[in-house]
Amino acid sequence: MDAIERLWERGINVSGNVIVGSKGESLDTIRETERFVQDINKYPNLTQLHCSVLLPFPGAPLASEFIGAAPEFLHQDVWDMDKAQSIWQHHFCKASPEEIEGWARVINDRNPSARKRYFGLRKEKPI
């Protein structure tokens, strides 16, 4: 929050991404993320914000944890990404896949890129 305010004060636009579905993700942590998005969305220099759902993939740091839960993926060269995501959420998240996907849509609906933009930044400080 401090960073986006300092950037706003200097006239620098911000583009960002948040991820839901991390290890231990719960409805409470997703709601915290959504509240954070609401708070930073007040800054006119936030021009883009996207929400992604965590997706394990070969070679990623969390792949070894994923393979522990889904050893059938160990020797596969190509992963079924929908299945991998579902297995990850089932084993490592407290929120259901439906809740995670639903909240990702809610957060993506807050993407400020749809709001009307003007050249330059507003001079007044956000509330």
Foldseek 3Di string as FASTA:
>chain_A
DVVLQVCLVVQAADAEEAEALPFAGDPVVLVVVLVVLVVSLLRPSHQWYAYYYDWDDPPDPCVVVLCVQVVVCVPDPDDPGVVSSQSSNVPGYPYHPVSRVVSNVVSNVSTNNPPDDDPTGDPDDGD
